[in-house]
Amino acid sequence: MVDTNIHRSWRSRPKGDHAWSEREQSPEWQAASARVQRAGIAPAEVAVKIVSAIREDRFWVMTHPRAIPAIVARAQRLADGLPPNKVMPEDAFGH
């Protein structure tokens, strides 16, 4: 995660539109999402990594190396035809 308010993007949706899921609207989900966002890295740090990736002609930008095992596990579930695991935001990156 990056320390931004993107987790609150629902505020900008048209009137009458709502979150993608009931879970996203729950106070527990919103609180957990906010905790994860605040624990995220600074946008300036992400910018440095992105510029570096562009200069090195790398497609993927791994901003959180400790998330790589979770990415590999998700890819394996995909390859095995299994659905993704359902996790709360703080579980996604070991917080």
PDB file of N, CA and C in Angstrom:
ATOM      1  N   MET A   1       0.827  -1.182   0.000  1.00  0.00           N
ATOM      2  CA  MET A   1       0.000   0.000   0.000  1.00  0.00           C
ATOM      3  C   MET A   1       0.877   1.254   0.000  1.00  0.00           C
ATOM      4  N   VAL A   2       0.258   2.301  -0.460  1.00  0.00           N
ATOM      5  CA  VAL A   2       0.907   3.608  -0.492  1.00  0.00           C
ATOM      6  C   VAL A   2       0.083   4.530   0.395  1.00  0.00           C
ATOM      7  N   ASP A   3       0.754   5.387   1.128  1.00  0.00           N
ATOM      8  CA  ASP A   3       0.080   6.273   2.083  1.00  0.00           C
ATOM      9  C   ASP A   3      -0.669   7.380   1.337  1.00  0.00           C
ATOM     10  N   THR A   4      -1.856   7.022   0.845  1.00  0.00           N
ATOM     11  CA  THR A   4      -2.746   7.957   0.143  1.00  0.00           C
ATOM     12  C   THR A   4      -4.160   7.756   0.684  1.00  0.00           C
ATOM     13  N   ASN A   5      -5.100   8.484   0.146  1.00  0.00           N
ATOM     14  CA  ASN A   5      -6.505   8.301   0.523  1.00  0.00           C
ATOM     15  C   ASN A   5      -7.289   7.552  -0.553  1.00  0.00           C
ATOM     16  N   ILE A   6      -6.588   6.793  -1.388  1.00  0.00           N
ATOM     17  CA  ILE A   6      -7.281   6.106  -2.476  1.00  0.00           C
ATOM     18  C   ILE A   6      -8.344   5.145  -1.950  1.00  0.00           C
ATOM     19  N   HIS A   7      -8.138   4.630  -0.738  1.00  0.00           N
ATOM     20  CA  HIS A   7      -9.129   3.709  -0.171  1.00  0.00           C
ATOM     21  C   HIS A   7     -10.471   4.394   0.087  1.00  0.00           C
ATOM     22  N   ARG A   8     -10.489   5.717  -0.021  1.00  0.00           N
ATOM     23  CA  ARG A   8     -11.732   6.463   0.165  1.00  0.00           C
ATOM     24  C   ARG A   8     -12.271   6.982  -1.163  1.00  0.00           C
ATOM     25  N   SER A   9     -11.865   6.372  -2.272  1.00  0.00           N
ATOM     26  CA  SER A   9     -12.271   6.858  -3.585  1.00  0.00           C
ATOM     27  C   SER A   9     -13.774   6.798  -3.792  1.00  0.00           C
ATOM     28  N   TRP A  10     -14.453   5.995  -3.013  1.00  0.00           N
ATOM     29  CA  TRP A  10     -15.911   5.907  -3.124  1.00  0.00           C
ATOM     30  C   TRP A  10     -16.562   7.272  -2.912  1.00  0.00           C
ATOM     31  N   ARG A  11     -15.878   8.190  -2.217  1.00  0.00           N
ATOM     32  CA  ARG A  11     -16.443   9.519  -1.965  1.00  0.00           C
ATOM     33  C   ARG A  11     -16.697  10.272  -3.262  1.00  0.00           C
ATOM     34  N   SER A  12     -15.950   9.954  -4.323  1.00  0.00           N
ATOM     35  CA  SER A  12     -16.051  10.678  -5.584  1.00  0.00           C
ATOM     36  C   SER A  12     -17.035  10.042  -6.567  1.00  0.00           C
ATOM     37  N   ARG A  13     -17.645   8.954  -6.175  1.00  0.00           N
ATOM     38  CA  ARG A  13     -18.597   8.301  -7.068  1.00  0.00           C
ATOM     39  C   ARG A  13     -19.868   9.127  -7.192  1.00  0.00           C
ATOM     40  N   PRO A  14     -20.577   8.992  -8.320  1.00  0.00           N
ATOM     41  CA  PRO A  14     -21.823   9.746  -8.491  1.00  0.00           C
ATOM     42  C   PRO A  14     -22.830   9.410  -7.392  1.00  0.00           C
ATOM     43  N   LYS A  15     -23.684  10.377  -7.075  1.00  0.00           N
ATOM     44  CA  LYS A  15     -24.707  10.167  -6.053  1.00  0.00           C
ATOM     45  C   LYS A  15     -25.557   8.947  -6.432  1.00  0.00           C
ATOM     46  N   GLY A  16     -25.801   8.097  -5.458  1.00  0.00           N
ATOM     47  CA  GLY A  16     -26.577   6.885  -5.695  1.00  0.00           C
ATOM     48  C   GLY A  16     -25.736   5.681  -6.046  1.00  0.00           C
ATOM     49  N   ASP A  17     -24.505   5.915  -6.488  1.00  0.00           N
ATOM     50  CA  ASP A  17     -23.597   4.815  -6.763  1.00  0.00           C
ATOM     51  C   ASP A  17     -23.028   4.358  -5.423  1.00  0.00           C
ATOM     52  N   HIS A  18     -22.646   3.103  -5.332  1.00  0.00           N
ATOM     53  CA  HIS A  18     -22.067   2.653  -4.076  1.00  0.00           C
ATOM     54  C   HIS A  18     -20.840   1.794  -4.300  1.00  0.00           C
ATOM     55  N   ALA A  19     -20.280   1.368  -3.201  1.00  0.00           N
ATOM     56  CA  ALA A  19     -19.039   0.605  -3.231  1.00  0.00           C
ATOM     57  C   ALA A  19     -19.194  -0.666  -4.060  1.00  0.00           C
ATOM     58  N   TRP A  20     -18.079  -1.263  -4.429  1.00  0.00           N
ATOM     59  CA  TRP A  20     -18.095  -2.465  -5.251  1.00  0.00           C
ATOM     60  C   TRP A  20     -18.741  -3.645  -4.536  1.00  0.00           C
ATOM     61  N   SER A  21     -18.678  -3.667  -3.231  1.00  0.00           N
ATOM     62  CA  SER A  21     -19.261  -4.795  -2.500  1.00  0.00           C
ATOM     63  C   SER A  21     -19.782  -4.317  -1.157  1.00  0.00           C
ATOM     64  N   GLU A  22     -20.635  -5.122  -0.565  1.00  0.00           N
ATOM     65  CA  GLU A  22     -21.134  -4.810   0.786  1.00  0.00           C
ATOM     66  C   GLU A  22     -19.969  -4.757   1.763  1.00  0.00           C
ATOM     67  N   ARG A  23     -19.002  -5.655   1.582  1.00  0.00           N
ATOM     68  CA  ARG A  23     -17.843  -5.700   2.483  1.00  0.00           C
ATOM     69  C   ARG A  23     -17.110  -4.365   2.474  1.00  0.00           C
ATOM     70  N   GLU A  24     -16.956  -3.766   1.296  1.00  0.00           N
ATOM     71  CA  GLU A  24     -16.237  -2.503   1.173  1.00  0.00           C
ATOM     72  C   GLU A  24     -16.929  -1.387   1.948  1.00  0.00           C
ATOM     73  N   GLN A  25     -18.238  -1.494   2.130  1.00  0.00           N
ATOM     74  CA  GLN A  25     -18.996  -0.462   2.815  1.00  0.00           C
ATOM     75  C   GLN A  25     -18.979  -0.618   4.332  1.00  0.00           C
ATOM     76  N   SER A  26     -18.556  -1.761   4.834  1.00  0.00           N
ATOM     77  CA  SER A  26     -18.637  -2.005   6.275  1.00  0.00           C
ATOM     78  C   SER A  26     -17.645  -1.133   7.044  1.00  0.00           C
ATOM     79  N   PRO A  27     -18.035  -0.673   8.240  1.00  0.00           N
ATOM     80  CA  PRO A  27     -17.116   0.127   9.060  1.00  0.00           C
ATOM     81  C   PRO A  27     -15.824  -0.625   9.380  1.00  0.00           C
ATOM     82  N   GLU A  28     -15.919  -1.948   9.570  1.00  0.00           N
ATOM     83  CA  GLU A  28     -14.723  -2.738   9.880  1.00  0.00           C
ATOM     84  C   GLU A  28     -13.747  -2.718   8.708  1.00  0.00           C
ATOM     85  N   TRP A  29     -14.277  -2.887   7.497  1.00  0.00           N
ATOM     86  CA  TRP A  29     -13.426  -2.870   6.305  1.00  0.00           C
ATOM     87  C   TRP A  29     -12.802  -1.498   6.116  1.00  0.00           C
ATOM     88  N   GLN A  30     -13.593  -0.454   6.260  1.00  0.00           N
ATOM     89  CA  GLN A  30     -13.085   0.904   6.096  1.00  0.00           C
ATOM     90  C   GLN A  30     -11.977   1.193   7.109  1.00  0.00           C
ATOM     91  N   ALA A  31     -12.175   0.784   8.374  1.00  0.00           N
ATOM     92  CA  ALA A  31     -11.162   1.023   9.411  1.00  0.00           C
ATOM     93  C   ALA A  31      -9.886   0.238   9.109  1.00  0.00           C
ATOM     94  N   ALA A  32     -10.026  -1.030   8.702  1.00  0.00           N
ATOM     95  CA  ALA A  32      -8.851  -1.847   8.383  1.00  0.00           C
ATOM     96  C   ALA A  32      -8.122  -1.273   7.172  1.00  0.00           C
ATOM     97  N   SER A  33      -8.857  -0.845   6.175  1.00  0.00           N
ATOM     98  CA  SER A  33      -8.260  -0.257   4.985  1.00  0.00           C
ATOM     99  C   SER A  33      -7.496   1.019   5.328  1.00  0.00           C
ATOM    100  N   ALA A  34      -8.073   1.850   6.181  1.00  0.00           N
ATOM    101  CA  ALA A  34      -7.405   3.087   6.590  1.00  0.00           C
ATOM    102  C   ALA A  34      -6.103   2.784   7.334  1.00  0.00           C
ATOM    103  N   ARG A  35      -6.116   1.762   8.197  1.00  0.00           N
ATOM    104  CA  ARG A  35      -4.892   1.389   8.934  1.00  0.00           C
ATOM    105  C   ARG A  35      -3.792   0.968   7.967  1.00  0.00           C
ATOM    106  N   VAL A  36      -4.157   0.170   6.982  1.00  0.00           N
ATOM    107  CA  VAL A  36      -3.173  -0.309   6.007  1.00  0.00           C
ATOM    108  C   VAL A  36      -2.630   0.852   5.183  1.00  0.00           C
ATOM    109  N   GLN A  37      -3.523   1.722   4.731  1.00  0.00           N
ATOM    110  CA  GLN A  37      -3.087   2.880   3.944  1.00  0.00           C
ATOM    111  C   GLN A  37      -2.087   3.730   4.728  1.00  0.00           C
ATOM    112  N   ARG A  38      -2.404   4.011   5.982  1.00  0.00           N
ATOM    113  CA  ARG A  38      -1.508   4.844   6.801  1.00  0.00           C
ATOM    114  C   ARG A  38      -0.152   4.188   7.013  1.00  0.00           C
ATOM    115  N   ALA A  39      -0.121   2.857   7.009  1.00  0.00           N
ATOM    116  CA  ALA A  39       1.138   2.130   7.193  1.00  0.00           C
ATOM    117  C   ALA A  39       1.909   2.001   5.885  1.00  0.00           C
ATOM    118  N   GLY A  40       1.323   2.477   4.805  1.00  0.00           N
ATOM    119  CA  GLY A  40       1.952   2.352   3.495  1.00  0.00           C
ATOM    120  C   GLY A  40       3.173   3.232   3.329  1.00  0.00           C
ATOM    121  N   ILE A  41       3.874   2.987   2.229  1.00  0.00           N
ATOM    122  CA  ILE A  41       5.070   3.780   1.951  1.00  0.00           C
ATOM    123  C   ILE A  41       4.670   5.131   1.355  1.00  0.00           C
ATOM    124  N   ALA A  42       5.574   6.063   1.435  1.00  0.00           N
ATOM    125  CA  ALA A  42       5.316   7.424   0.957  1.00  0.00           C
ATOM    126  C   ALA A  42       5.211   7.455  -0.572  1.00  0.00           C
ATOM    127  N   PRO A  43       4.307   8.268  -1.105  1.00  0.00           N
ATOM    128  CA  PRO A  43       4.188   8.392  -2.566  1.00  0.00           C
ATOM    129  C   PRO A  43       5.511   8.765  -3.234  1.00  0.00           C
ATOM    130  N   ALA A  44       6.314   9.587  -2.591  1.00  0.00           N
ATOM    131  CA  ALA A  44       7.610   9.976  -3.177  1.00  0.00           C
ATOM    132  C   ALA A  44       8.528   8.767  -3.347  1.00  0.00           C
ATOM    133  N   GLU A  45       8.458   7.823  -2.406  1.00  0.00           N
ATOM    134  CA  GLU A  45       9.270   6.609  -2.500  1.00  0.00           C
ATOM    135  C   GLU A  45       8.812   5.757  -3.700  1.00  0.00           C
ATOM    136  N   VAL A  46       7.509   5.689  -3.902  1.00  0.00           N
ATOM    137  CA  VAL A  46       6.974   4.957  -5.049  1.00  0.00           C
ATOM    138  C   VAL A  46       7.427   5.626  -6.344  1.00  0.00           C
ATOM    139  N   ALA A  47       7.397   6.951  -6.368  1.00  0.00           N
ATOM    140  CA  ALA A  47       7.816   7.686  -7.567  1.00  0.00           C
ATOM    141  C   ALA A  47       9.256   7.345  -7.945  1.00  0.00           C
ATOM    142  N   VAL A  48      10.137   7.282  -6.968  1.00  0.00           N
ATOM    143  CA  VAL A  48      11.540   6.941  -7.232  1.00  0.00           C
ATOM    144  C   VAL A  48      11.631   5.543  -7.844  1.00  0.00           C
ATOM    145  N   LYS A  49      10.859   4.593  -7.298  1.00  0.00           N
ATOM    146  CA  LYS A  49      10.884   3.224  -7.819  1.00  0.00           C
ATOM    147  C   LYS A  49      10.328   3.166  -9.247  1.00  0.00           C
ATOM    148  N   ILE A  50       9.308   3.953  -9.515  1.00  0.00           N
ATOM    149  CA  ILE A  50       8.710   3.969 -10.857  1.00  0.00           C
ATOM    150  C   ILE A  50       9.682   4.555 -11.876  1.00  0.00           C
ATOM    151  N   VAL A  51      10.310   5.661 -11.534  1.00  0.00           N
ATOM    152  CA  VAL A  51      11.284   6.271 -12.448  1.00  0.00           C
ATOM    153  C   VAL A  51      12.423   5.293 -12.719  1.00  0.00           C
ATOM    154  N   SER A  52      12.882   4.615 -11.677  1.00  0.00           N
ATOM    155  CA  SER A  52      13.948   3.628 -11.840  1.00  0.00           C
ATOM    156  C   SER A  52      13.505   2.511 -12.790  1.00  0.00           C
ATOM    157  N   ALA A  53      12.293   2.014 -12.616  1.00  0.00           N
ATOM    158  CA  ALA A  53      11.786   0.942 -13.481  1.00  0.00           C
ATOM    159  C   ALA A  53      11.693   1.403 -14.935  1.00  0.00           C
ATOM    160  N   ILE A  54      11.244   2.619 -15.134  1.00  0.00           N
ATOM    161  CA  ILE A  54      11.160   3.152 -16.504  1.00  0.00           C
ATOM    162  C   ILE A  54      12.542   3.223 -17.126  1.00  0.00           C
ATOM    163  N   ARG A  55      13.493   3.741 -16.376  1.00  0.00           N
ATOM    164  CA  ARG A  55      14.862   3.862 -16.898  1.00  0.00           C
ATOM    165  C   ARG A  55      15.487   2.503 -17.199  1.00  0.00           C
ATOM    166  N   GLU A  56      15.104   1.483 -16.416  1.00  0.00           N
ATOM    167  CA  GLU A  56      15.657   0.137 -16.601  1.00  0.00           C
ATOM    168  C   GLU A  56      14.784  -0.728 -17.505  1.00  0.00           C
ATOM    169  N   ASP A  57      13.730  -0.135 -18.066  1.00  0.00           N
ATOM    170  CA  ASP A  57      12.814  -0.831 -18.968  1.00  0.00           C
ATOM    171  C   ASP A  57      12.194  -2.066 -18.309  1.00  0.00           C
ATOM    172  N   ARG A  58      11.826  -1.935 -17.028  1.00  0.00           N
ATOM    173  CA  ARG A  58      11.139  -3.006 -16.309  1.00  0.00           C
ATOM    174  C   ARG A  58       9.641  -2.730 -16.340  1.00  0.00           C
ATOM    175  N   PHE A  59       8.844  -3.756 -16.617  1.00  0.00           N
ATOM    176  CA  PHE A  59       7.396  -3.597 -16.691  1.00  0.00           C
ATOM    177  C   PHE A  59       6.769  -3.526 -15.304  1.00  0.00           C
ATOM    178  N   TRP A  60       7.152  -4.440 -14.428  1.00  0.00           N
ATOM    179  CA  TRP A  60       6.576  -4.506 -13.084  1.00  0.00           C
ATOM    180  C   TRP A  60       7.403  -3.685 -12.108  1.00  0.00           C
ATOM    181  N   VAL A  61       6.719  -2.963 -11.228  1.00  0.00           N
ATOM    182  CA  VAL A  61       7.382  -2.167 -10.191  1.00  0.00           C
ATOM    183  C   VAL A  61       7.006  -2.783  -8.854  1.00  0.00           C
ATOM    184  N   MET A  62       7.947  -3.435  -8.218  1.00  0.00           N
ATOM    185  CA  MET A  62       7.700  -4.061  -6.918  1.00  0.00           C
ATOM    186  C   MET A  62       8.031  -3.064  -5.812  1.00  0.00           C
ATOM    187  N   THR A  63       7.002  -2.386  -5.353  1.00  0.00           N
ATOM    188  CA  THR A  63       7.205  -1.365  -4.317  1.00  0.00           C
ATOM    189  C   THR A  63       7.385  -1.975  -2.942  1.00  0.00           C
ATOM    190  N   HIS A  64       6.905  -3.195  -2.750  1.00  0.00           N
ATOM    191  CA  HIS A  64       6.949  -3.864  -1.446  1.00  0.00           C
ATOM    192  C   HIS A  64       7.527  -5.268  -1.628  1.00  0.00           C
ATOM    193  N   PRO A  65       8.847  -5.423  -1.598  1.00  0.00           N
ATOM    194  CA  PRO A  65       9.445  -6.745  -1.833  1.00  0.00           C
ATOM    195  C   PRO A  65       8.891  -7.846  -0.924  1.00  0.00           C
ATOM    196  N   ARG A  66       8.472  -7.500   0.288  1.00  0.00           N
ATOM    197  CA  ARG A  66       7.964  -8.553   1.179  1.00  0.00           C
ATOM    198  C   ARG A  66       6.616  -9.102   0.707  1.00  0.00           C
ATOM    199  N   ALA A  67       5.988  -8.439  -0.261  1.00  0.00           N
ATOM    200  CA  ALA A  67       4.724  -8.931  -0.809  1.00  0.00           C
ATOM    201  C   ALA A  67       4.931  -9.975  -1.902  1.00  0.00           C
ATOM    202  N   ILE A  68       6.156 -10.161  -2.354  1.00  0.00           N
ATOM    203  CA  ILE A  68       6.416 -11.076  -3.466  1.00  0.00           C
ATOM    204  C   ILE A  68       5.950 -12.500  -3.168  1.00  0.00           C
ATOM    205  N   PRO A  69       6.166 -13.050  -1.966  1.00  0.00           N
ATOM    206  CA  PRO A  69       5.642 -14.403  -1.707  1.00  0.00           C
ATOM    207  C   PRO A  69       4.121 -14.488  -1.879  1.00  0.00           C
ATOM    208  N   ALA A  70       3.392 -13.468  -1.462  1.00  0.00           N
ATOM    209  CA  ALA A  70       1.932 -13.462  -1.624  1.00  0.00           C
ATOM    210  C   ALA A  70       1.562 -13.376  -3.104  1.00  0.00           C
ATOM    211  N   ILE A  71       2.345 -12.631  -3.880  1.00  0.00           N
ATOM    212  CA  ILE A  71       2.099 -12.524  -5.320  1.00  0.00           C
ATOM    213  C   ILE A  71       2.319 -13.879  -5.987  1.00  0.00           C
ATOM    214  N   VAL A  72       3.383 -14.557  -5.600  1.00  0.00           N
ATOM    215  CA  VAL A  72       3.682 -15.880  -6.153  1.00  0.00           C
ATOM    216  C   VAL A  72       2.574 -16.868  -5.779  1.00  0.00           C
ATOM    217  N   ALA A  73       2.122 -16.827  -4.526  1.00  0.00           N
ATOM    218  CA  ALA A  73       1.053 -17.730  -4.080  1.00  0.00           C
ATOM    219  C   ALA A  73      -0.234 -17.461  -4.856  1.00  0.00           C
ATOM    220  N   ARG A  74      -0.548 -16.198  -5.090  1.00  0.00           N
ATOM    221  CA  ARG A  74      -1.762 -15.850  -5.846  1.00  0.00           C
ATOM    222  C   ARG A  74      -1.649 -16.350  -7.287  1.00  0.00           C
ATOM    223  N   ALA A  75      -0.479 -16.169  -7.887  1.00  0.00           N
ATOM    224  CA  ALA A  75      -0.276 -16.640  -9.258  1.00  0.00           C
ATOM    225  C   ALA A  75      -0.421 -18.161  -9.328  1.00  0.00           C
ATOM    226  N   GLN A  76       0.060 -18.859  -8.309  1.00  0.00           N
ATOM    227  CA  GLN A  76      -0.064 -20.317  -8.292  1.00  0.00           C
ATOM    228  C   GLN A  76      -1.527 -20.734  -8.184  1.00  0.00           C
ATOM    229  N   ARG A  77      -2.308 -20.027  -7.343  1.00  0.00           N
ATOM    230  CA  ARG A  77      -3.744 -20.323  -7.235  1.00  0.00           C
ATOM    231  C   ARG A  77      -4.424 -20.099  -8.588  1.00  0.00           C
ATOM    232  N   LEU A  78      -4.030 -19.034  -9.266  1.00  0.00           N
ATOM    233  CA  LEU A  78      -4.572 -18.747 -10.595  1.00  0.00           C
ATOM    234  C   LEU A  78      -4.248 -19.888 -11.555  1.00  0.00           C
ATOM    235  N   ALA A  79      -2.976 -20.297 -11.562  1.00  0.00           N
ATOM    236  CA  ALA A  79      -2.532 -21.368 -12.455  1.00  0.00           C
ATOM    237  C   ALA A  79      -3.239 -22.685 -12.140  1.00  0.00           C
ATOM    238  N   ASP A  80      -3.583 -22.894 -10.871  1.00  0.00           N
ATOM    239  CA  ASP A  80      -4.283 -24.114 -10.455  1.00  0.00           C
ATOM    240  C   ASP A  80      -5.792 -24.026 -10.654  1.00  0.00           C
ATOM    241  N   GLY A  81      -6.272 -22.865 -11.135  1.00  0.00           N
ATOM    242  CA  GLY A  81      -7.702 -22.697 -11.365  1.00  0.00           C
ATOM    243  C   GLY A  81      -8.505 -22.467 -10.100  1.00  0.00           C
ATOM    244  N   LEU A  82      -7.848 -22.067  -9.038  1.00  0.00           N
ATOM    245  CA  LEU A  82      -8.516 -21.824  -7.757  1.00  0.00           C
ATOM    246  C   LEU A  82      -8.900 -20.361  -7.614  1.00  0.00           C
ATOM    247  N   PRO A  83      -9.938 -20.072  -6.839  1.00  0.00           N
ATOM    248  CA  PRO A  83     -10.299 -18.667  -6.619  1.00  0.00           C
ATOM    249  C   PRO A  83      -9.284 -17.991  -5.704  1.00  0.00           C
ATOM    250  N   PRO A  84      -9.211 -16.663  -5.749  1.00  0.00           N
ATOM    251  CA  PRO A  84      -8.286 -15.962  -4.850  1.00  0.00           C
ATOM    252  C   PRO A  84      -8.738 -16.116  -3.406  1.00  0.00           C
ATOM    253  N   ASN A  85      -7.783 -16.037  -2.502  1.00  0.00           N
ATOM    254  CA  ASN A  85      -8.108 -16.049  -1.081  1.00  0.00           C
ATOM    255  C   ASN A  85      -8.783 -14.741  -0.718  1.00  0.00           C
ATOM    256  N   LYS A  86      -9.715 -14.777   0.213  1.00  0.00           N
ATOM    257  CA  LYS A  86     -10.354 -13.566   0.708  1.00  0.00           C
ATOM    258  C   LYS A  86      -9.640 -13.164   1.988  1.00  0.00           C
ATOM    259  N   VAL A  87      -9.108 -11.944   1.990  1.00  0.00           N
ATOM    260  CA  VAL A  87      -8.382 -11.454   3.157  1.00  0.00           C
ATOM    261  C   VAL A  87      -8.820 -10.035   3.493  1.00  0.00           C
ATOM    262  N   MET A  88      -8.634  -9.659   4.742  1.00  0.00           N
ATOM    263  CA  MET A  88      -8.838  -8.276   5.147  1.00  0.00           C
ATOM    264  C   MET A  88      -7.611  -7.492   4.696  1.00  0.00           C
ATOM    265  N   PRO A  89      -7.731  -6.171   4.510  1.00  0.00           N
ATOM    266  CA  PRO A  89      -6.606  -5.385   3.992  1.00  0.00           C
ATOM    267  C   PRO A  89      -5.317  -5.563   4.775  1.00  0.00           C
ATOM    268  N   GLU A  90      -5.391  -5.616   6.113  1.00  0.00           N
ATOM    269  CA  GLU A  90      -4.147  -5.693   6.873  1.00  0.00           C
ATOM    270  C   GLU A  90      -3.455  -7.035   6.700  1.00  0.00           C
ATOM    271  N   ASP A  91      -4.195  -8.069   6.258  1.00  0.00           N
ATOM    272  CA  ASP A  91      -3.587  -9.367   6.018  1.00  0.00           C
ATOM    273  C   ASP A  91      -2.826  -9.422   4.706  1.00  0.00           C
ATOM    274  N   ALA A  92      -3.167  -8.538   3.786  1.00  0.00           N
ATOM    275  CA  ALA A  92      -2.621  -8.599   2.440  1.00  0.00           C
ATOM    276  C   ALA A  92      -1.108  -8.426   2.406  1.00  0.00           C
ATOM    277  N   PHE A  93      -0.569  -7.627   3.287  1.00  0.00           N
ATOM    278  CA  PHE A  93       0.873  -7.382   3.288  1.00  0.00           C
ATOM    279  C   PHE A  93       1.501  -7.701   4.622  1.00  0.00           C
ATOM    280  N   GLY A  94       0.877  -8.567   5.394  1.00  0.00           N
ATOM    281  CA  GLY A  94       1.463  -9.009   6.650  1.00  0.00           C
ATOM    282  C   GLY A  94       1.420  -7.986   7.757  1.00  0.00           C
ATOM    283  N   HIS A  95       0.489  -7.062   7.710  1.00  0.00           N
ATOM    284  CA  HIS A  95       0.381  -6.056   8.770  1.00  0.00           C
ATOM    285  C   HIS A  95      -0.421  -6.590   9.914  1.00  0.00           C
TER     286      HIS A  95
END
